[in-house]
Amino acid sequence: KILFEGAQGILLDVDHGTYPFVTSSNTVASSAATGSGCGPNT
């Protein structure tokens, strides 16, 4: 069983947050796949 832990919040997502007052990474759930190297079907 794998638990993926995000940092910050979705409203700070560099694409979907209150830009430019955001962080420098994607904080949405789909980033768990790209940020760890597993497919979205995980």
PDB file of all heavy atoms in Angstrom:
ATOM      1  N   LYS A   1       0.845  -1.189   0.000  1.00  0.00           N
ATOM      2  CA  LYS A   1       0.000   0.000   0.000  1.00  0.00           C
ATOM      3  C   LYS A   1       0.887   1.247   0.000  1.00  0.00           C
ATOM      4  O   LYS A   1       1.736   1.410   0.872  1.00  0.00           O
ATOM      5  CB  LYS A   1      -0.908   0.011   1.227  1.00  0.00           C
ATOM      6  CG  LYS A   1      -1.948  -1.096   1.244  1.00  0.00           C
ATOM      7  CD  LYS A   1      -2.787  -1.001   2.503  1.00  0.00           C
ATOM      8  CE  LYS A   1      -3.815  -2.131   2.555  1.00  0.00           C
ATOM      9  NZ  LYS A   1      -4.608  -2.059   3.831  1.00  0.00           N
ATOM     10  N   ILE A   2       0.651   2.123  -0.994  1.00  0.00           N
ATOM     11  CA  ILE A   2       1.493   3.307  -1.169  1.00  0.00           C
ATOM     12  C   ILE A   2       0.676   4.564  -0.891  1.00  0.00           C
ATOM     13  O   ILE A   2      -0.430   4.734  -1.417  1.00  0.00           O
ATOM     14  CB  ILE A   2       2.073   3.367  -2.594  1.00  0.00           C
ATOM     15  CG1 ILE A   2       2.823   2.064  -2.920  1.00  0.00           C
ATOM     16  CG2 ILE A   2       3.014   4.567  -2.732  1.00  0.00           C
ATOM     17  CD1 ILE A   2       3.230   1.947  -4.375  1.00  0.00           C
ATOM     18  N   LEU A   3       1.232   5.430  -0.070  1.00  0.00           N
ATOM     19  CA  LEU A   3       0.614   6.704   0.261  1.00  0.00           C
ATOM     20  C   LEU A   3       1.475   7.822  -0.298  1.00  0.00           C
ATOM     21  O   LEU A   3       2.649   7.945   0.049  1.00  0.00           O
ATOM     22  CB  LEU A   3       0.483   6.851   1.786  1.00  0.00           C
ATOM     23  CG  LEU A   3      -0.227   8.082   2.331  1.00  0.00           C
ATOM     24  CD1 LEU A   3      -1.678   8.114   1.870  1.00  0.00           C
ATOM     25  CD2 LEU A   3      -0.166   8.089   3.859  1.00  0.00           C
ATOM     26  N   PHE A   4       0.928   8.631  -1.201  1.00  0.00           N
ATOM     27  CA  PHE A   4       1.640   9.745  -1.820  1.00  0.00           C
ATOM     28  C   PHE A   4       1.293  11.039  -1.088  1.00  0.00           C
ATOM     29  O   PHE A   4       0.118  11.406  -0.989  1.00  0.00           O
ATOM     30  CB  PHE A   4       1.276   9.869  -3.296  1.00  0.00           C
ATOM     31  CG  PHE A   4       1.685   8.685  -4.125  1.00  0.00           C
ATOM     32  CD1 PHE A   4       0.823   7.611  -4.308  1.00  0.00           C
ATOM     33  CD2 PHE A   4       2.931   8.645  -4.733  1.00  0.00           C
ATOM     34  CE1 PHE A   4       1.187   6.519  -5.085  1.00  0.00           C
ATOM     35  CE2 PHE A   4       3.302   7.554  -5.513  1.00  0.00           C
ATOM     36  CZ  PHE A   4       2.436   6.490  -5.678  1.00  0.00           C
ATOM     37  N   GLU A   5       2.289  11.730  -0.624  1.00  0.00           N
ATOM     38  CA  GLU A   5       2.106  12.908   0.226  1.00  0.00           C
ATOM     39  C   GLU A   5       2.475  14.186  -0.526  1.00  0.00           C
ATOM     40  O   GLU A   5       3.640  14.386  -0.884  1.00  0.00           O
ATOM     41  CB  GLU A   5       2.972  12.768   1.477  1.00  0.00           C
ATOM     42  CG  GLU A   5       2.982  13.967   2.394  1.00  0.00           C
ATOM     43  CD  GLU A   5       3.962  13.818   3.543  1.00  0.00           C
ATOM     44  OE1 GLU A   5       4.791  12.893   3.520  1.00  0.00           O
ATOM     45  OE2 GLU A   5       3.897  14.649   4.465  1.00  0.00           O
ATOM     46  N   GLY A   6       1.482  15.039  -0.765  1.00  0.00           N
ATOM     47  CA  GLY A   6       1.738  16.316  -1.408  1.00  0.00           C
ATOM     48  C   GLY A   6       2.137  17.392  -0.412  1.00  0.00           C
ATOM     49  O   GLY A   6       1.836  17.301   0.783  1.00  0.00           O
ATOM     50  N   ALA A   7       2.814  18.409  -0.905  1.00  0.00           N
ATOM     51  CA  ALA A   7       3.173  19.571  -0.087  1.00  0.00           C
ATOM     52  C   ALA A   7       2.392  20.787  -0.575  1.00  0.00           C
ATOM     53  O   ALA A   7       1.881  20.802  -1.689  1.00  0.00           O
ATOM     54  CB  ALA A   7       4.676  19.828  -0.177  1.00  0.00           C
ATOM     55  N   GLN A   8       2.287  21.809   0.248  1.00  0.00           N
ATOM     56  CA  GLN A   8       1.483  22.998  -0.044  1.00  0.00           C
ATOM     57  C   GLN A   8       0.027  22.616  -0.345  1.00  0.00           C
ATOM     58  O   GLN A   8      -0.458  21.630   0.193  1.00  0.00           O
ATOM     59  CB  GLN A   8       2.094  23.815  -1.192  1.00  0.00           C
ATOM     60  CG  GLN A   8       3.423  24.456  -0.852  1.00  0.00           C
ATOM     61  CD  GLN A   8       4.603  23.686  -1.400  1.00  0.00           C
ATOM     62  OE1 GLN A   8       4.570  22.852  -2.264  1.00  0.00           O
ATOM     63  NE2 GLN A   8       5.726  23.968  -0.869  1.00  0.00           N
ATOM     64  N   GLY A   9      -0.661  23.380  -1.147  1.00  0.00           N
ATOM     65  CA  GLY A   9      -2.051  23.111  -1.475  1.00  0.00           C
ATOM     66  C   GLY A   9      -2.309  23.352  -2.948  1.00  0.00           C
ATOM     67  O   GLY A   9      -1.505  23.990  -3.652  1.00  0.00           O
ATOM     68  N   ILE A  10      -3.458  22.871  -3.425  1.00  0.00           N
ATOM     69  CA  ILE A  10      -3.788  22.969  -4.847  1.00  0.00           C
ATOM     70  C   ILE A  10      -3.858  24.413  -5.318  1.00  0.00           C
ATOM     71  O   ILE A  10      -3.499  24.726  -6.465  1.00  0.00           O
ATOM     72  CB  ILE A  10      -5.115  22.241  -5.122  1.00  0.00           C
ATOM     73  CG1 ILE A  10      -4.928  20.728  -4.903  1.00  0.00           C
ATOM     74  CG2 ILE A  10      -5.619  22.510  -6.547  1.00  0.00           C
ATOM     75  CD1 ILE A  10      -6.216  19.950  -4.857  1.00  0.00           C
ATOM     76  N   LEU A  11      -4.296  25.321  -4.448  1.00  0.00           N
ATOM     77  CA  LEU A  11      -4.408  26.726  -4.832  1.00  0.00           C
ATOM     78  C   LEU A  11      -3.054  27.416  -4.966  1.00  0.00           C
ATOM     79  O   LEU A  11      -2.979  28.577  -5.364  1.00  0.00           O
ATOM     80  CB  LEU A  11      -5.281  27.475  -3.824  1.00  0.00           C
ATOM     81  CG  LEU A  11      -6.728  26.984  -3.751  1.00  0.00           C
ATOM     82  CD1 LEU A  11      -7.479  27.703  -2.645  1.00  0.00           C
ATOM     83  CD2 LEU A  11      -7.440  27.191  -5.085  1.00  0.00           C
ATOM     84  N   LEU A  12      -1.977  26.678  -4.645  1.00  0.00           N
ATOM     85  CA  LEU A  12      -0.621  27.168  -4.863  1.00  0.00           C
ATOM     86  C   LEU A  12       0.043  26.486  -6.051  1.00  0.00           C
ATOM     87  O   LEU A  12       1.231  26.700  -6.303  1.00  0.00           O
ATOM     88  CB  LEU A  12       0.228  26.964  -3.601  1.00  0.00           C
ATOM     89  CG  LEU A  12      -0.145  27.817  -2.385  1.00  0.00           C
ATOM     90  CD1 LEU A  12       0.704  27.421  -1.181  1.00  0.00           C
ATOM     91  CD2 LEU A  12       0.025  29.305  -2.674  1.00  0.00           C
ATOM     92  N   ASP A  13      -0.704  25.686  -6.787  1.00  0.00           N
ATOM     93  CA  ASP A  13      -0.176  25.016  -7.972  1.00  0.00           C
ATOM     94  C   ASP A  13       0.280  26.053  -9.000  1.00  0.00           C
ATOM     95  O   ASP A  13      -0.407  27.045  -9.238  1.00  0.00           O
ATOM     96  CB  ASP A  13      -1.258  24.111  -8.574  1.00  0.00           C
ATOM     97  CG  ASP A  13      -0.755  23.272  -9.728  1.00  0.00           C
ATOM     98  OD1 ASP A  13      -0.671  23.811 -10.853  1.00  0.00           O
ATOM     99  OD2 ASP A  13      -0.450  22.084  -9.512  1.00  0.00           O
ATOM    100  N   VAL A  14       1.433  25.815  -9.620  1.00  0.00           N
ATOM    101  CA  VAL A  14       1.991  26.798 -10.540  1.00  0.00           C
ATOM    102  C   VAL A  14       1.124  26.999 -11.779  1.00  0.00           C
ATOM    103  O   VAL A  14       1.175  28.059 -12.419  1.00  0.00           O
ATOM    104  CB  VAL A  14       3.438  26.401 -10.932  1.00  0.00           C
ATOM    105  CG1 VAL A  14       3.444  25.143 -11.824  1.00  0.00           C
ATOM    106  CG2 VAL A  14       4.180  27.559 -11.585  1.00  0.00           C
ATOM    107  N   ASP A  15       0.298  26.023 -12.134  1.00  0.00           N
ATOM    108  CA  ASP A  15      -0.613  26.144 -13.269  1.00  0.00           C
ATOM    109  C   ASP A  15      -2.035  26.485 -12.856  1.00  0.00           C
ATOM    110  O   ASP A  15      -2.722  27.233 -13.557  1.00  0.00           O
ATOM    111  CB  ASP A  15      -0.632  24.846 -14.079  1.00  0.00           C
ATOM    112  CG  ASP A  15       0.646  24.624 -14.863  1.00  0.00           C
ATOM    113  OD1 ASP A  15       1.064  25.534 -15.591  1.00  0.00           O
ATOM    114  OD2 ASP A  15       1.221  23.542 -14.752  1.00  0.00           O
ATOM    115  N   HIS A  16      -2.502  25.928 -11.747  1.00  0.00           N
ATOM    116  CA  HIS A  16      -3.906  26.016 -11.374  1.00  0.00           C
ATOM    117  C   HIS A  16      -4.177  26.877 -10.149  1.00  0.00           C
ATOM    118  O   HIS A  16      -5.338  27.040  -9.761  1.00  0.00           O
ATOM    119  CB  HIS A  16      -4.464  24.607 -11.136  1.00  0.00           C
ATOM    120  CG  HIS A  16      -4.341  23.717 -12.324  1.00  0.00           C
ATOM    121  ND1 HIS A  16      -5.115  23.870 -13.447  1.00  0.00           N
ATOM    122  CD2 HIS A  16      -3.516  22.664 -12.574  1.00  0.00           C
ATOM    123  CE1 HIS A  16      -4.790  22.953 -14.346  1.00  0.00           C
ATOM    124  NE2 HIS A  16      -3.821  22.214 -13.840  1.00  0.00           N
ATOM    125  N   GLY A  17      -3.144  27.448  -9.562  1.00  0.00           N
ATOM    126  CA  GLY A  17      -3.319  28.261  -8.376  1.00  0.00           C
ATOM    127  C   GLY A  17      -3.485  29.733  -8.675  1.00  0.00           C
ATOM    128  O   GLY A  17      -3.689  30.140  -9.826  1.00  0.00           O
ATOM    129  N   THR A  18      -3.405  30.564  -7.638  1.00  0.00           N
ATOM    130  CA  THR A  18      -3.579  32.007  -7.768  1.00  0.00           C
ATOM    131  C   THR A  18      -2.278  32.654  -8.248  1.00  0.00           C
ATOM    132  O   THR A  18      -1.633  33.431  -7.546  1.00  0.00           O
ATOM    133  CB  THR A  18      -4.035  32.619  -6.426  1.00  0.00           C
ATOM    134  OG1 THR A  18      -3.184  32.146  -5.360  1.00  0.00           O
ATOM    135  CG2 THR A  18      -5.467  32.228  -6.122  1.00  0.00           C
ATOM    136  N   TYR A  19      -1.919  32.333  -9.464  1.00  0.00           N
ATOM    137  CA  TYR A  19      -0.699  32.793 -10.122  1.00  0.00           C
ATOM    138  C   TYR A  19      -0.679  34.324 -10.241  1.00  0.00           C
ATOM    139  O   TYR A  19      -1.694  34.922 -10.560  1.00  0.00           O
ATOM    140  CB  TYR A  19      -0.644  32.169 -11.519  1.00  0.00           C
ATOM    141  CG  TYR A  19       0.673  32.315 -12.241  1.00  0.00           C
ATOM    142  CD1 TYR A  19       1.655  31.328 -12.148  1.00  0.00           C
ATOM    143  CD2 TYR A  19       0.937  33.420 -13.015  1.00  0.00           C
ATOM    144  CE1 TYR A  19       2.858  31.444 -12.835  1.00  0.00           C
ATOM    145  CE2 TYR A  19       2.134  33.557 -13.691  1.00  0.00           C
ATOM    146  CZ  TYR A  19       3.097  32.562 -13.598  1.00  0.00           C
ATOM    147  OH  TYR A  19       4.297  32.684 -14.267  1.00  0.00           O
ATOM    148  N   PRO A  20       0.475  34.988  -9.954  1.00  0.00           N
ATOM    149  CA  PRO A  20       1.811  34.441  -9.679  1.00  0.00           C
ATOM    150  C   PRO A  20       2.092  34.126  -8.212  1.00  0.00           C
ATOM    151  O   PRO A  20       3.219  33.785  -7.868  1.00  0.00           O
ATOM    152  CB  PRO A  20       2.718  35.569 -10.165  1.00  0.00           C
ATOM    153  CG  PRO A  20       1.956  36.808  -9.813  1.00  0.00           C
ATOM    154  CD  PRO A  20       0.498  36.470 -10.058  1.00  0.00           C
ATOM    155  N   PHE A  21       1.090  34.271  -7.344  1.00  0.00           N
ATOM    156  CA  PHE A  21       1.296  34.029  -5.918  1.00  0.00           C
ATOM    157  C   PHE A  21       1.137  32.538  -5.621  1.00  0.00           C
ATOM    158  O   PHE A  21       0.201  32.109  -4.916  1.00  0.00           O
ATOM    159  CB  PHE A  21       0.318  34.878  -5.098  1.00  0.00           C
ATOM    160  CG  PHE A  21       0.444  36.346  -5.370  1.00  0.00           C
ATOM    161  CD1 PHE A  21      -0.409  36.979  -6.259  1.00  0.00           C
ATOM    162  CD2 PHE A  21       1.431  37.098  -4.764  1.00  0.00           C
ATOM    163  CE1 PHE A  21      -0.300  38.340  -6.526  1.00  0.00           C
ATOM    164  CE2 PHE A  21       1.556  38.460  -5.024  1.00  0.00           C
ATOM    165  CZ  PHE A  21       0.695  39.075  -5.908  1.00  0.00           C
ATOM    166  N   VAL A  22       2.054  31.762  -6.165  1.00  0.00           N
ATOM    167  CA  VAL A  22       1.994  30.307  -6.093  1.00  0.00           C
ATOM    168  C   VAL A  22       3.385  29.755  -5.789  1.00  0.00           C
ATOM    169  O   VAL A  22       4.361  30.500  -5.719  1.00  0.00           O
ATOM    170  CB  VAL A  22       1.475  29.713  -7.425  1.00  0.00           C
ATOM    171  CG1 VAL A  22       0.029  30.111  -7.659  1.00  0.00           C
ATOM    172  CG2 VAL A  22       2.344  30.175  -8.614  1.00  0.00           C
ATOM    173  N   THR A  23       3.464  28.453  -5.615  1.00  0.00           N
ATOM    174  CA  THR A  23       4.754  27.799  -5.486  1.00  0.00           C
ATOM    175  C   THR A  23       5.294  27.478  -6.879  1.00  0.00           C
ATOM    176  O   THR A  23       4.675  27.810  -7.888  1.00  0.00           O
ATOM    177  CB  THR A  23       4.641  26.537  -4.606  1.00  0.00           C
ATOM    178  OG1 THR A  23       5.951  26.072  -4.256  1.00  0.00           O
ATOM    179  CG2 THR A  23       3.857  25.429  -5.314  1.00  0.00           C
ATOM    180  N   SER A  24       6.449  26.813  -6.961  1.00  0.00           N
ATOM    181  CA  SER A  24       7.109  26.589  -8.252  1.00  0.00           C
ATOM    182  C   SER A  24       6.913  25.185  -8.788  1.00  0.00           C
ATOM    183  O   SER A  24       7.560  24.791  -9.756  1.00  0.00           O
ATOM    184  CB  SER A  24       8.613  26.874  -8.117  1.00  0.00           C
ATOM    185  OG  SER A  24       8.838  28.214  -7.740  1.00  0.00           O
ATOM    186  N   SER A  25       6.015  24.427  -8.185  1.00  0.00           N
ATOM    187  CA  SER A  25       5.772  23.058  -8.630  1.00  0.00           C
ATOM    188  C   SER A  25       4.280  22.819  -8.801  1.00  0.00           C
ATOM    189  O   SER A  25       3.454  23.647  -8.413  1.00  0.00           O
ATOM    190  CB  SER A  25       6.351  22.051  -7.631  1.00  0.00           C
ATOM    191  OG  SER A  25       5.738  22.190  -6.349  1.00  0.00           O
ATOM    192  N   ASN A  26       3.937  21.688  -9.375  1.00  0.00           N
ATOM    193  CA  ASN A  26       2.545  21.281  -9.503  1.00  0.00           C
ATOM    194  C   ASN A  26       2.128  20.505  -8.259  1.00  0.00           C
ATOM    195  O   ASN A  26       2.696  19.463  -7.955  1.00  0.00           O
ATOM    196  CB  ASN A  26       2.328  20.433 -10.742  1.00  0.00           C
ATOM    197  CG  ASN A  26       2.420  21.239 -12.023  1.00  0.00           C
ATOM    198  OD1 ASN A  26       3.348  21.100 -12.805  1.00  0.00           O
ATOM    199  ND2 ASN A  26       1.435  22.102 -12.257  1.00  0.00           N
ATOM    200  N   THR A  27       1.131  21.033  -7.557  1.00  0.00           N
ATOM    201  CA  THR A  27       0.701  20.454  -6.291  1.00  0.00           C
ATOM    202  C   THR A  27      -0.529  19.566  -6.425  1.00  0.00           C
ATOM    203  O   THR A  27      -0.994  19.004  -5.436  1.00  0.00           O
ATOM    204  CB  THR A  27       0.402  21.577  -5.274  1.00  0.00           C
ATOM    205  OG1 THR A  27      -0.641  22.411  -5.801  1.00  0.00           O
ATOM    206  CG2 THR A  27       1.628  22.441  -5.028  1.00  0.00           C
ATOM    207  N   VAL A  28      -1.082  19.463  -7.630  1.00  0.00           N
ATOM    208  CA  VAL A  28      -2.281  18.657  -7.844  1.00  0.00           C
ATOM    209  C   VAL A  28      -1.955  17.166  -7.742  1.00  0.00           C
ATOM    210  O   VAL A  28      -0.794  16.755  -7.849  1.00  0.00           O
ATOM    211  CB  VAL A  28      -2.937  18.966  -9.207  1.00  0.00           C
ATOM    212  CG1 VAL A  28      -3.491  20.385  -9.211  1.00  0.00           C
ATOM    213  CG2 VAL A  28      -1.934  18.770 -10.341  1.00  0.00           C
ATOM    214  N   ALA A  29      -2.985  16.352  -7.574  1.00  0.00           N
ATOM    215  CA  ALA A  29      -2.798  14.927  -7.327  1.00  0.00           C
ATOM    216  C   ALA A  29      -2.080  14.201  -8.456  1.00  0.00           C
ATOM    217  O   ALA A  29      -1.314  13.260  -8.215  1.00  0.00           O
ATOM    218  CB  ALA A  29      -4.151  14.270  -7.066  1.00  0.00           C
ATOM    219  N   SER A  30      -2.308  14.626  -9.697  1.00  0.00           N
ATOM    220  CA  SER A  30      -1.677  13.946 -10.825  1.00  0.00           C
ATOM    221  C   SER A  30      -0.155  14.040 -10.797  1.00  0.00           C
ATOM    222  O   SER A  30       0.533  13.233 -11.423  1.00  0.00           O
ATOM    223  CB  SER A  30      -2.208  14.504 -12.149  1.00  0.00           C
ATOM    224  OG  SER A  30      -2.051  15.912 -12.212  1.00  0.00           O
ATOM    225  N   SER A  31       0.380  15.010 -10.061  1.00  0.00           N
ATOM    226  CA  SER A  31       1.829  15.150  -9.934  1.00  0.00           C
ATOM    227  C   SER A  31       2.461  14.004  -9.159  1.00  0.00           C
ATOM    228  O   SER A  31       3.676  13.824  -9.208  1.00  0.00           O
ATOM    229  CB  SER A  31       2.183  16.474  -9.256  1.00  0.00           C
ATOM    230  OG  SER A  31       1.786  17.559 -10.039  1.00  0.00           O
ATOM    231  N   ALA A  32       1.654  13.262  -8.428  1.00  0.00           N
ATOM    232  CA  ALA A  32       2.186  12.104  -7.709  1.00  0.00           C
ATOM    233  C   ALA A  32       2.818  11.107  -8.673  1.00  0.00           C
ATOM    234  O   ALA A  32       3.820  10.463  -8.354  1.00  0.00           O
ATOM    235  CB  ALA A  32       1.092  11.432  -6.888  1.00  0.00           C
ATOM    236  N   ALA A  33       2.229  10.993  -9.864  1.00  0.00           N
ATOM    237  CA  ALA A  33       2.754  10.064 -10.862  1.00  0.00           C
ATOM    238  C   ALA A  33       4.076  10.561 -11.440  1.00  0.00           C
ATOM    239  O   ALA A  33       5.072   9.831 -11.469  1.00  0.00           O
ATOM    240  CB  ALA A  33       1.724   9.852 -11.971  1.00  0.00           C
ATOM    241  N   THR A  34       4.105  11.814 -11.893  1.00  0.00           N
ATOM    242  CA  THR A  34       5.321  12.350 -12.504  1.00  0.00           C
ATOM    243  C   THR A  34       6.420  12.595 -11.479  1.00  0.00           C
ATOM    244  O   THR A  34       7.600  12.480 -11.790  1.00  0.00           O
ATOM    245  CB  THR A  34       5.034  13.658 -13.256  1.00  0.00           C
ATOM    246  OG1 THR A  34       4.389  14.584 -12.372  1.00  0.00           O
ATOM    247  CG2 THR A  34       4.129  13.403 -14.451  1.00  0.00           C
ATOM    248  N   GLY A  35       6.035  12.939 -10.251  1.00  0.00           N
ATOM    249  CA  GLY A  35       7.015  13.259  -9.215  1.00  0.00           C
ATOM    250  C   GLY A  35       7.619  12.064  -8.515  1.00  0.00           C
ATOM    251  O   GLY A  35       8.469  12.212  -7.636  1.00  0.00           O
ATOM    252  N   SER A  36       7.183  10.861  -8.917  1.00  0.00           N
ATOM    253  CA  SER A  36       7.727   9.655  -8.301  1.00  0.00           C
ATOM    254  C   SER A  36       8.129   8.603  -9.328  1.00  0.00           C
ATOM    255  O   SER A  36       8.876   7.682  -9.009  1.00  0.00           O
ATOM    256  CB  SER A  36       6.717   9.054  -7.323  1.00  0.00           C
ATOM    257  OG  SER A  36       5.533   8.653  -7.992  1.00  0.00           O
ATOM    258  N   GLY A  37       7.587   8.729 -10.556  1.00  0.00           N
ATOM    259  CA  GLY A  37       7.955   7.789 -11.603  1.00  0.00           C
ATOM    260  C   GLY A  37       7.049   6.578 -11.691  1.00  0.00           C
ATOM    261  O   GLY A  37       7.479   5.493 -12.074  1.00  0.00           O
ATOM    262  N   CYS A  38       5.796   6.759 -11.309  1.00  0.00           N
ATOM    263  CA  CYS A  38       4.838   5.671 -11.485  1.00  0.00           C
ATOM    264  C   CYS A  38       3.706   6.164 -12.387  1.00  0.00           C
ATOM    265  O   CYS A  38       3.478   7.367 -12.513  1.00  0.00           O
ATOM    266  CB  CYS A  38       4.275   5.211 -10.138  1.00  0.00           C
ATOM    267  SG  CYS A  38       3.315   6.449  -9.260  1.00  0.00           S
ATOM    268  N   GLY A  39       3.011   5.255 -13.013  1.00  0.00           N
ATOM    269  CA  GLY A  39       1.937   5.641 -13.905  1.00  0.00           C
ATOM    270  C   GLY A  39       0.714   6.126 -13.155  1.00  0.00           C
ATOM    271  O   GLY A  39       0.520   5.806 -11.973  1.00  0.00           O
ATOM    272  N   PRO A  40      -0.155   6.901 -13.822  1.00  0.00           N
ATOM    273  CA  PRO A  40      -1.370   7.402 -13.165  1.00  0.00           C
ATOM    274  C   PRO A  40      -2.312   6.292 -12.716  1.00  0.00           C
ATOM    275  O   PRO A  40      -3.124   6.495 -11.815  1.00  0.00           O
ATOM    276  CB  PRO A  40      -2.019   8.290 -14.237  1.00  0.00           C
ATOM    277  CG  PRO A  40      -1.405   7.871 -15.527  1.00  0.00           C
ATOM    278  CD  PRO A  40      -0.031   7.398 -15.208  1.00  0.00           C
ATOM    279  N   ASN A  41      -2.202   5.111 -13.349  1.00  0.00           N
ATOM    280  CA  ASN A  41      -3.047   3.991 -12.928  1.00  0.00           C
ATOM    281  C   ASN A  41      -2.640   3.427 -11.569  1.00  0.00           C
ATOM    282  O   ASN A  41      -3.316   2.563 -11.020  1.00  0.00           O
ATOM    283  CB  ASN A  41      -3.054   2.880 -13.985  1.00  0.00           C
ATOM    284  CG  ASN A  41      -1.669   2.320 -14.269  1.00  0.00           C
ATOM    285  OD1 ASN A  41      -0.652   2.859 -13.835  1.00  0.00           O
ATOM    286  ND2 ASN A  41      -1.623   1.231 -15.028  1.00  0.00           N
ATOM    287  N   THR A  42      -1.549   3.939 -11.021  1.00  0.00           N
ATOM    288  CA  THR A  42      -1.137   3.556  -9.671  1.00  0.00           C
ATOM    289  C   THR A  42      -2.054   4.172  -8.618  1.00  0.00           C
ATOM    290  O   THR A  42      -2.226   3.635  -7.535  1.00  0.00           O
ATOM    291  CB  THR A  42       0.317   3.998  -9.415  1.00  0.00           C
ATOM    292  OG1 THR A  42       1.174   3.392 -10.386  1.00  0.00           O
ATOM    293  CG2 THR A  42       0.799   3.607  -8.021  1.00  0.00           C
TER     294      THR A  42
END
